[in-house]
């Protein structure tokens, strides 16, 4: 595959992740108001994020590797699965895809009478945050630790499920379920990022509060991705690896 085709796949895959995952949070999580059985809630949003990665990986994984996340690209690079020359182009494509999805989601959400985003509200427009912008009021230290550890384990699952000795064809399922679990754990803490592109794509529309805290959702996931990639590479140093696209 040419680099252009890979970048197009990363753009579309990240677009799908943000539209599906964040869209479920903005449009469906609380549909009908508190207590309405039609609202999908925390569990539904968690499943939506997992399903976007699962379906996106099957659709685009054979083209670009299905990263859809700068932290994943950094982690695979640290783990020896991804070439340095493609790192920046992949990240640019991922961020642009996330922003495009955020824009489309904003246009859809704006079609509801009375729609407004409160930039001081936790989780506004599916944004990530800490302290007052954390859904559960968690501190910056707790949010940072949560994002680092969960992203590190996300990379371990990704690298393990795509290893040469792993069952063929099942990696997207393991990766999608891992992302679902990550959301079940951390939505109360940070509204779950583990993906700088996802955070950026909605923060641009969520207002000054989310934008002011966006630094953490770049630094912590990328650090976690690097840790996960290095750890898995160390564990499997003498095992055959799958070379990243």
C-alpha atoms as a PDB file:
ATOM      1  CA  UNK A   1       0.000   0.000   0.000  1.00  0.00           C
ATOM      2  CA  UNK A   2       1.173   3.536  -0.747  1.00  0.00           C
ATOM      3  CA  UNK A   3       1.565   5.994   2.104  1.00  0.00           C
ATOM      4  CA  UNK A   4      -1.319   8.039   0.721  1.00  0.00           C
ATOM      5  CA  UNK A   5      -3.690   5.079   0.970  1.00  0.00           C
ATOM      6  CA  UNK A   6      -2.485   4.341   4.495  1.00  0.00           C
ATOM      7  CA  UNK A   7      -3.083   7.943   5.566  1.00  0.00           C
ATOM      8  CA  UNK A   8      -6.547   7.922   4.007  1.00  0.00           C
ATOM      9  CA  UNK A   9      -7.343   4.767   5.992  1.00  0.00           C
ATOM     10  CA  UNK A  10      -6.079   6.367   9.205  1.00  0.00           C
ATOM     11  CA  UNK A  11      -8.155   9.492   8.531  1.00  0.00           C
ATOM     12  CA  UNK A  12     -11.323   7.469   7.913  1.00  0.00           C
ATOM     13  CA  UNK A  13     -10.715   5.065  10.783  1.00  0.00           C
ATOM     14  CA  UNK A  14     -10.146   7.857  13.284  1.00  0.00           C
ATOM     15  CA  UNK A  15     -13.163   9.717  11.896  1.00  0.00           C
ATOM     16  CA  UNK A  16     -15.261   6.594  12.512  1.00  0.00           C
ATOM     17  CA  UNK A  17     -13.910   6.154  16.033  1.00  0.00           C
ATOM     18  CA  UNK A  18     -14.718   9.727  17.070  1.00  0.00           C
ATOM     19  CA  UNK A  19     -18.063   9.899  15.306  1.00  0.00           C
ATOM     20  CA  UNK A  20     -19.178   6.549  16.710  1.00  0.00           C
ATOM     21  CA  UNK A  21     -17.715   6.771  20.193  1.00  0.00           C
ATOM     22  CA  UNK A  22     -18.151  10.451  20.961  1.00  0.00           C
ATOM     23  CA  UNK A  23     -21.380  10.530  18.972  1.00  0.00           C
ATOM     24  CA  UNK A  24     -22.860   7.884  21.247  1.00  0.00           C
ATOM     25  CA  UNK A  25     -21.893   9.996  24.274  1.00  0.00           C
ATOM     26  CA  UNK A  26     -23.287  13.256  22.884  1.00  0.00           C
ATOM     27  CA  UNK A  27     -26.418  11.982  21.169  1.00  0.00           C
ATOM     28  CA  UNK A  28     -27.458   8.762  22.893  1.00  0.00           C
ATOM     29  CA  UNK A  29     -25.974   8.442  26.396  1.00  0.00           C
ATOM     30  CA  UNK A  30     -28.709  10.488  28.057  1.00  0.00           C
ATOM     31  CA  UNK A  31     -31.367  10.352  25.375  1.00  0.00           C
ATOM     32  CA  UNK A  32     -34.735  11.260  26.813  1.00  0.00           C
ATOM     33  CA  UNK A  33     -33.301  12.524  30.098  1.00  0.00           C
ATOM     34  CA  UNK A  34     -32.215  10.901  33.342  1.00  0.00           C
ATOM     35  CA  UNK A  35     -33.749   7.506  33.950  1.00  0.00           C
ATOM     36  CA  UNK A  36     -35.035   7.080  30.400  1.00  0.00           C
ATOM     37  CA  UNK A  37     -34.507   3.467  29.308  1.00  0.00           C
ATOM     38  CA  UNK A  38     -33.661   4.636  25.768  1.00  0.00           C
ATOM     39  CA  UNK A  39     -30.449   6.306  26.957  1.00  0.00           C
ATOM     40  CA  UNK A  40     -27.447   3.997  26.543  1.00  0.00           C
ATOM     41  CA  UNK A  41     -25.481   5.326  29.538  1.00  0.00           C
ATOM     42  CA  UNK A  42     -21.901   4.492  30.510  1.00  0.00           C
ATOM     43  CA  UNK A  43     -22.107   0.867  29.375  1.00  0.00           C
ATOM     44  CA  UNK A  44     -23.489   1.808  25.977  1.00  0.00           C
ATOM     45  CA  UNK A  45     -20.845   4.456  25.363  1.00  0.00           C
ATOM     46  CA  UNK A  46     -18.121   2.004  26.385  1.00  0.00           C
ATOM     47  CA  UNK A  47     -19.441  -0.567  23.928  1.00  0.00           C
ATOM     48  CA  UNK A  48     -19.713   2.050  21.192  1.00  0.00           C
ATOM     49  CA  UNK A  49     -16.039   2.956  21.464  1.00  0.00           C
ATOM     50  CA  UNK A  50     -15.079  -0.719  21.403  1.00  0.00           C
ATOM     51  CA  UNK A  51     -17.273  -1.363  18.374  1.00  0.00           C
ATOM     52  CA  UNK A  52     -15.778   1.526  16.422  1.00  0.00           C
ATOM     53  CA  UNK A  53     -12.271   0.128  16.888  1.00  0.00           C
ATOM     54  CA  UNK A  54     -13.375  -3.436  16.161  1.00  0.00           C
ATOM     55  CA  UNK A  55     -15.188  -2.540  12.946  1.00  0.00           C
ATOM     56  CA  UNK A  56     -12.600   0.030  11.906  1.00  0.00           C
ATOM     57  CA  UNK A  57      -9.766  -2.443  12.371  1.00  0.00           C
ATOM     58  CA  UNK A  58     -11.493  -5.009  10.168  1.00  0.00           C
ATOM     59  CA  UNK A  59     -12.240  -2.336   7.549  1.00  0.00           C
ATOM     60  CA  UNK A  60      -8.874  -0.575   7.453  1.00  0.00           C
ATOM     61  CA  UNK A  61      -6.374  -2.707   9.375  1.00  0.00           C
ATOM     62  CA  UNK A  62      -5.121  -4.461   6.256  1.00  0.00           C
ATOM     63  CA  UNK A  63      -4.389  -1.063   4.693  1.00  0.00           C
ATOM     64  CA  UNK A  64      -2.755   1.016   7.435  1.00  0.00           C
ATOM     65  CA  UNK A  65      -2.491  -1.281  10.439  1.00  0.00           C
ATOM     66  CA  UNK A  66      -5.559   0.360  12.005  1.00  0.00           C
ATOM     67  CA  UNK A  67      -3.914   2.669  14.548  1.00  0.00           C
ATOM     68  CA  UNK A  68      -6.526   5.489  14.660  1.00  0.00           C
ATOM     69  CA  UNK A  69      -4.658   6.930  17.636  1.00  0.00           C
ATOM     70  CA  UNK A  70      -1.327   8.806  18.000  1.00  0.00           C
ATOM     71  CA  UNK A  71      -0.595   6.936  21.234  1.00  0.00           C
ATOM     72  CA  UNK A  72      -0.914   3.630  19.384  1.00  0.00           C
ATOM     73  CA  UNK A  73       1.400   4.845  16.627  1.00  0.00           C
ATOM     74  CA  UNK A  74       3.979   5.957  19.198  1.00  0.00           C
ATOM     75  CA  UNK A  75       3.622   2.675  21.100  1.00  0.00           C
ATOM     76  CA  UNK A  76       4.059   0.522  18.010  1.00  0.00           C
ATOM     77  CA  UNK A  77       7.061   2.623  17.034  1.00  0.00           C
ATOM     78  CA  UNK A  78       8.600   2.116  20.487  1.00  0.00           C
ATOM     79  CA  UNK A  79       7.873  -1.591  20.207  1.00  0.00           C
ATOM     80  CA  UNK A  80       9.668  -1.887  16.875  1.00  0.00           C
ATOM     81  CA  UNK A  81       6.486  -2.413  14.871  1.00  0.00           C
ATOM     82  CA  UNK A  82       6.257   0.933  13.050  1.00  0.00           C
ATOM     83  CA  UNK A  83       8.780   2.975  11.009  1.00  0.00           C
ATOM     84  CA  UNK A  84       9.888   6.407  12.190  1.00  0.00           C
ATOM     85  CA  UNK A  85       9.342   7.959   8.761  1.00  0.00           C
ATOM     86  CA  UNK A  86       5.572   7.346   8.930  1.00  0.00           C
ATOM     87  CA  UNK A  87       5.005   8.509  12.508  1.00  0.00           C
ATOM     88  CA  UNK A  88       4.279  12.204  11.894  1.00  0.00           C
ATOM     89  CA  UNK A  89       2.138  11.662   8.758  1.00  0.00           C
ATOM     90  CA  UNK A  90       0.006   9.103  10.613  1.00  0.00           C
ATOM     91  CA  UNK A  91      -0.531  11.467  13.548  1.00  0.00           C
ATOM     92  CA  UNK A  92      -1.533  14.332  11.265  1.00  0.00           C
ATOM     93  CA  UNK A  93      -4.029  12.109   9.430  1.00  0.00           C
ATOM     94  CA  UNK A  94      -5.478  10.853  12.726  1.00  0.00           C
ATOM     95  CA  UNK A  95      -5.923  14.340  14.176  1.00  0.00           C
ATOM     96  CA  UNK A  96      -7.520  15.642  10.980  1.00  0.00           C
ATOM     97  CA  UNK A  97      -9.919  12.693  10.935  1.00  0.00           C
ATOM     98  CA  UNK A  98     -10.873  13.339  14.549  1.00  0.00           C
ATOM     99  CA  UNK A  99     -11.458  17.039  13.922  1.00  0.00           C
ATOM    100  CA  UNK A 100     -13.596  16.272  10.871  1.00  0.00           C
ATOM    101  CA  UNK A 101     -15.695  13.897  12.956  1.00  0.00           C
ATOM    102  CA  UNK A 102     -16.000  16.488  15.727  1.00  0.00           C
ATOM    103  CA  UNK A 103     -17.248  19.009  13.168  1.00  0.00           C
ATOM    104  CA  UNK A 104     -19.834  16.607  11.741  1.00  0.00           C
ATOM    105  CA  UNK A 105     -20.978  15.644  15.232  1.00  0.00           C
ATOM    106  CA  UNK A 106     -21.336  19.309  16.179  1.00  0.00           C
ATOM    107  CA  UNK A 107     -23.486  19.927  13.089  1.00  0.00           C
ATOM    108  CA  UNK A 108     -25.726  16.978  13.939  1.00  0.00           C
ATOM    109  CA  UNK A 109     -26.048  17.922  17.613  1.00  0.00           C
ATOM    110  CA  UNK A 110     -26.820  21.529  16.692  1.00  0.00           C
ATOM    111  CA  UNK A 111     -29.908  20.327  14.846  1.00  0.00           C
ATOM    112  CA  UNK A 112     -31.678  19.814  18.173  1.00  0.00           C
ATOM    113  CA  UNK A 113     -33.578  22.828  19.487  1.00  0.00           C
ATOM    114  CA  UNK A 114     -31.880  24.346  22.510  1.00  0.00           C
ATOM    115  CA  UNK A 115     -28.569  22.563  21.990  1.00  0.00           C
ATOM    116  CA  UNK A 116     -25.712  24.335  23.763  1.00  0.00           C
ATOM    117  CA  UNK A 117     -22.298  23.383  25.114  1.00  0.00           C
ATOM    118  CA  UNK A 118     -21.360  24.510  28.616  1.00  0.00           C
ATOM    119  CA  UNK A 119     -17.535  24.749  28.613  1.00  0.00           C
ATOM    120  CA  UNK A 120     -17.495  24.567  32.420  1.00  0.00           C
ATOM    121  CA  UNK A 121     -19.397  21.263  32.534  1.00  0.00           C
ATOM    122  CA  UNK A 122     -17.591  17.940  33.025  1.00  0.00           C
ATOM    123  CA  UNK A 123     -17.647  15.888  29.850  1.00  0.00           C
ATOM    124  CA  UNK A 124     -19.102  18.698  27.747  1.00  0.00           C
ATOM    125  CA  UNK A 125     -19.454  17.480  24.146  1.00  0.00           C
ATOM    126  CA  UNK A 126     -17.740  14.203  25.137  1.00  0.00           C
ATOM    127  CA  UNK A 127     -14.569  16.084  26.110  1.00  0.00           C
ATOM    128  CA  UNK A 128     -11.980  14.816  28.566  1.00  0.00           C
ATOM    129  CA  UNK A 129     -10.996  16.519  31.797  1.00  0.00           C
ATOM    130  CA  UNK A 130      -9.717  16.431  35.350  1.00  0.00           C
ATOM    131  CA  UNK A 131     -10.580  18.243  38.597  1.00  0.00           C
ATOM    132  CA  UNK A 132     -13.814  20.152  37.972  1.00  0.00           C
ATOM    133  CA  UNK A 133     -14.022  18.798  34.402  1.00  0.00           C
ATOM    134  CA  UNK A 134     -13.692  15.161  35.496  1.00  0.00           C
ATOM    135  CA  UNK A 135     -17.090  13.405  35.533  1.00  0.00           C
ATOM    136  CA  UNK A 136     -16.273  12.059  39.007  1.00  0.00           C
ATOM    137  CA  UNK A 137     -14.223  15.024  40.205  1.00  0.00           C
ATOM    138  CA  UNK A 138     -10.880  13.178  40.054  1.00  0.00           C
ATOM    139  CA  UNK A 139      -7.616  15.074  40.503  1.00  0.00           C
ATOM    140  CA  UNK A 140      -5.053  15.816  37.810  1.00  0.00           C
ATOM    141  CA  UNK A 141      -2.695  13.238  39.348  1.00  0.00           C
ATOM    142  CA  UNK A 142      -5.363  10.530  39.302  1.00  0.00           C
ATOM    143  CA  UNK A 143      -6.327  11.398  35.742  1.00  0.00           C
ATOM    144  CA  UNK A 144      -2.707  11.332  34.574  1.00  0.00           C
ATOM    145  CA  UNK A 145      -1.999   7.979  36.214  1.00  0.00           C
ATOM    146  CA  UNK A 146      -5.214   6.472  34.869  1.00  0.00           C
ATOM    147  CA  UNK A 147      -4.489   7.536  31.293  1.00  0.00           C
ATOM    148  CA  UNK A 148      -0.868   6.362  31.386  1.00  0.00           C
ATOM    149  CA  UNK A 149      -1.607   2.911  32.829  1.00  0.00           C
ATOM    150  CA  UNK A 150      -4.651   2.178  30.682  1.00  0.00           C
ATOM    151  CA  UNK A 151      -2.943   3.286  27.473  1.00  0.00           C
ATOM    152  CA  UNK A 152       0.085   1.152  28.329  1.00  0.00           C
ATOM    153  CA  UNK A 153      -2.097  -1.925  28.731  1.00  0.00           C
ATOM    154  CA  UNK A 154      -4.002  -1.033  25.563  1.00  0.00           C
ATOM    155  CA  UNK A 155      -0.704  -1.217  23.682  1.00  0.00           C
ATOM    156  CA  UNK A 156       0.164  -4.518  25.338  1.00  0.00           C
ATOM    157  CA  UNK A 157      -3.171  -5.974  24.168  1.00  0.00           C
ATOM    158  CA  UNK A 158      -2.658  -4.567  20.657  1.00  0.00           C
ATOM    159  CA  UNK A 159       0.863  -5.942  20.342  1.00  0.00           C
ATOM    160  CA  UNK A 160      -0.034  -9.275  21.899  1.00  0.00           C
ATOM    161  CA  UNK A 161      -3.116  -9.861  19.768  1.00  0.00           C
ATOM    162  CA  UNK A 162      -1.214  -9.025  16.558  1.00  0.00           C
ATOM    163  CA  UNK A 163       1.824 -11.118  17.459  1.00  0.00           C
ATOM    164  CA  UNK A 164       2.912 -13.786  15.009  1.00  0.00           C
ATOM    165  CA  UNK A 165       1.861 -16.555  17.408  1.00  0.00           C
ATOM    166  CA  UNK A 166      -1.544 -15.084  18.259  1.00  0.00           C
ATOM    167  CA  UNK A 167      -4.670 -16.610  16.647  1.00  0.00           C
ATOM    168  CA  UNK A 168      -5.054 -15.087  13.197  1.00  0.00           C
ATOM    169  CA  UNK A 169      -8.017 -12.829  12.481  1.00  0.00           C
ATOM    170  CA  UNK A 170      -9.107 -12.197  16.061  1.00  0.00           C
ATOM    171  CA  UNK A 171      -6.986  -9.149  16.905  1.00  0.00           C
ATOM    172  CA  UNK A 172      -9.745  -6.553  16.246  1.00  0.00           C
ATOM    173  CA  UNK A 173     -12.052  -8.373  18.664  1.00  0.00           C
ATOM    174  CA  UNK A 174      -9.463  -8.366  21.459  1.00  0.00           C
ATOM    175  CA  UNK A 175      -8.581  -4.732  20.784  1.00  0.00           C
ATOM    176  CA  UNK A 176     -12.218  -3.626  20.673  1.00  0.00           C
ATOM    177  CA  UNK A 177     -13.025  -5.431  23.914  1.00  0.00           C
ATOM    178  CA  UNK A 178      -9.934  -3.929  25.551  1.00  0.00           C
ATOM    179  CA  UNK A 179     -11.091  -0.426  24.617  1.00  0.00           C
ATOM    180  CA  UNK A 180     -14.558  -1.224  25.969  1.00  0.00           C
ATOM    181  CA  UNK A 181     -13.031  -2.315  29.273  1.00  0.00           C
ATOM    182  CA  UNK A 182     -10.848   0.795  29.398  1.00  0.00           C
ATOM    183  CA  UNK A 183     -13.944   2.975  29.058  1.00  0.00           C
ATOM    184  CA  UNK A 184     -15.812   1.033  31.724  1.00  0.00           C
ATOM    185  CA  UNK A 185     -12.931   1.758  34.098  1.00  0.00           C
ATOM    186  CA  UNK A 186     -12.135   5.355  33.289  1.00  0.00           C
ATOM    187  CA  UNK A 187     -15.204   7.244  32.061  1.00  0.00           C
ATOM    188  CA  UNK A 188     -15.821   8.427  35.654  1.00  0.00           C
ATOM    189  CA  UNK A 189     -12.203   9.567  35.953  1.00  0.00           C
ATOM    190  CA  UNK A 190     -11.410  11.422  32.714  1.00  0.00           C
ATOM    191  CA  UNK A 191     -14.319  10.595  30.409  1.00  0.00           C
ATOM    192  CA  UNK A 192     -11.660   8.298  28.845  1.00  0.00           C
ATOM    193  CA  UNK A 193      -9.169   9.487  26.306  1.00  0.00           C
ATOM    194  CA  UNK A 194      -6.242   7.059  25.781  1.00  0.00           C
ATOM    195  CA  UNK A 195      -6.221   8.777  22.382  1.00  0.00           C
ATOM    196  CA  UNK A 196      -4.930  12.329  21.804  1.00  0.00           C
ATOM    197  CA  UNK A 197      -6.693  12.635  18.445  1.00  0.00           C
ATOM    198  CA  UNK A 198     -10.068  11.700  19.958  1.00  0.00           C
ATOM    199  CA  UNK A 199      -9.553  14.279  22.707  1.00  0.00           C
ATOM    200  CA  UNK A 200      -8.566  17.008  20.254  1.00  0.00           C
ATOM    201  CA  UNK A 201     -11.427  16.357  17.847  1.00  0.00           C
ATOM    202  CA  UNK A 202     -14.087  17.242  20.419  1.00  0.00           C
ATOM    203  CA  UNK A 203     -12.129  19.677  22.618  1.00  0.00           C
ATOM    204  CA  UNK A 204     -12.017  22.157  19.745  1.00  0.00           C
ATOM    205  CA  UNK A 205     -15.809  22.372  19.936  1.00  0.00           C
ATOM    206  CA  UNK A 206     -16.227  21.939  23.705  1.00  0.00           C
ATOM    207  CA  UNK A 207     -14.718  25.294  24.612  1.00  0.00           C
ATOM    208  CA  UNK A 208     -11.920  26.792  26.674  1.00  0.00           C
ATOM    209  CA  UNK A 209     -12.192  24.374  29.600  1.00  0.00           C
ATOM    210  CA  UNK A 210     -11.453  21.272  27.530  1.00  0.00           C
ATOM    211  CA  UNK A 211      -8.820  23.044  25.467  1.00  0.00           C
ATOM    212  CA  UNK A 212      -7.021  24.217  28.612  1.00  0.00           C
ATOM    213  CA  UNK A 213      -6.717  20.633  29.852  1.00  0.00           C
ATOM    214  CA  UNK A 214      -5.939  19.042  26.487  1.00  0.00           C
ATOM    215  CA  UNK A 215      -2.202  18.880  27.275  1.00  0.00           C
ATOM    216  CA  UNK A 216      -2.761  15.992  29.693  1.00  0.00           C
ATOM    217  CA  UNK A 217      -4.614  13.975  27.071  1.00  0.00           C
ATOM    218  CA  UNK A 218      -1.670  14.229  24.723  1.00  0.00           C
ATOM    219  CA  UNK A 219       1.119  13.713  27.242  1.00  0.00           C
ATOM    220  CA  UNK A 220      -0.328  10.874  29.340  1.00  0.00           C
ATOM    221  CA  UNK A 221      -1.572   8.609  26.513  1.00  0.00           C
ATOM    222  CA  UNK A 222       1.629   9.012  24.494  1.00  0.00           C
ATOM    223  CA  UNK A 223       3.724   8.248  27.583  1.00  0.00           C
ATOM    224  CA  UNK A 224       1.536   5.228  28.273  1.00  0.00           C
ATOM    225  CA  UNK A 225       1.824   4.079  24.679  1.00  0.00           C
ATOM    226  CA  UNK A 226       5.611   4.299  24.811  1.00  0.00           C
ATOM    227  CA  UNK A 227       5.698   2.365  28.082  1.00  0.00           C
ATOM    228  CA  UNK A 228       3.404  -0.344  26.729  1.00  0.00           C
ATOM    229  CA  UNK A 229       5.355  -0.708  23.510  1.00  0.00           C
ATOM    230  CA  UNK A 230       8.689  -0.935  25.293  1.00  0.00           C
ATOM    231  CA  UNK A 231       7.372  -3.400  27.892  1.00  0.00           C
ATOM    232  CA  UNK A 232       5.926  -5.745  25.306  1.00  0.00           C
ATOM    233  CA  UNK A 233       9.027  -5.548  23.162  1.00  0.00           C
ATOM    234  CA  UNK A 234      11.099  -6.515  26.203  1.00  0.00           C
ATOM    235  CA  UNK A 235       8.837  -9.444  27.061  1.00  0.00           C
ATOM    236  CA  UNK A 236       8.895 -10.782  23.500  1.00  0.00           C
ATOM    237  CA  UNK A 237      12.480  -9.867  22.652  1.00  0.00           C
ATOM    238  CA  UNK A 238      13.274 -13.328  21.300  1.00  0.00           C
ATOM    239  CA  UNK A 239       9.839 -14.054  19.806  1.00  0.00           C
ATOM    240  CA  UNK A 240       8.880 -13.534  16.134  1.00  0.00           C
ATOM    241  CA  UNK A 241       7.052 -10.252  15.566  1.00  0.00           C
ATOM    242  CA  UNK A 242       4.614  -9.011  12.952  1.00  0.00           C
ATOM    243  CA  UNK A 243       6.212  -6.103  11.117  1.00  0.00           C
ATOM    244  CA  UNK A 244       3.979  -3.013  11.157  1.00  0.00           C
ATOM    245  CA  UNK A 245       2.805  -1.475   7.911  1.00  0.00           C
END
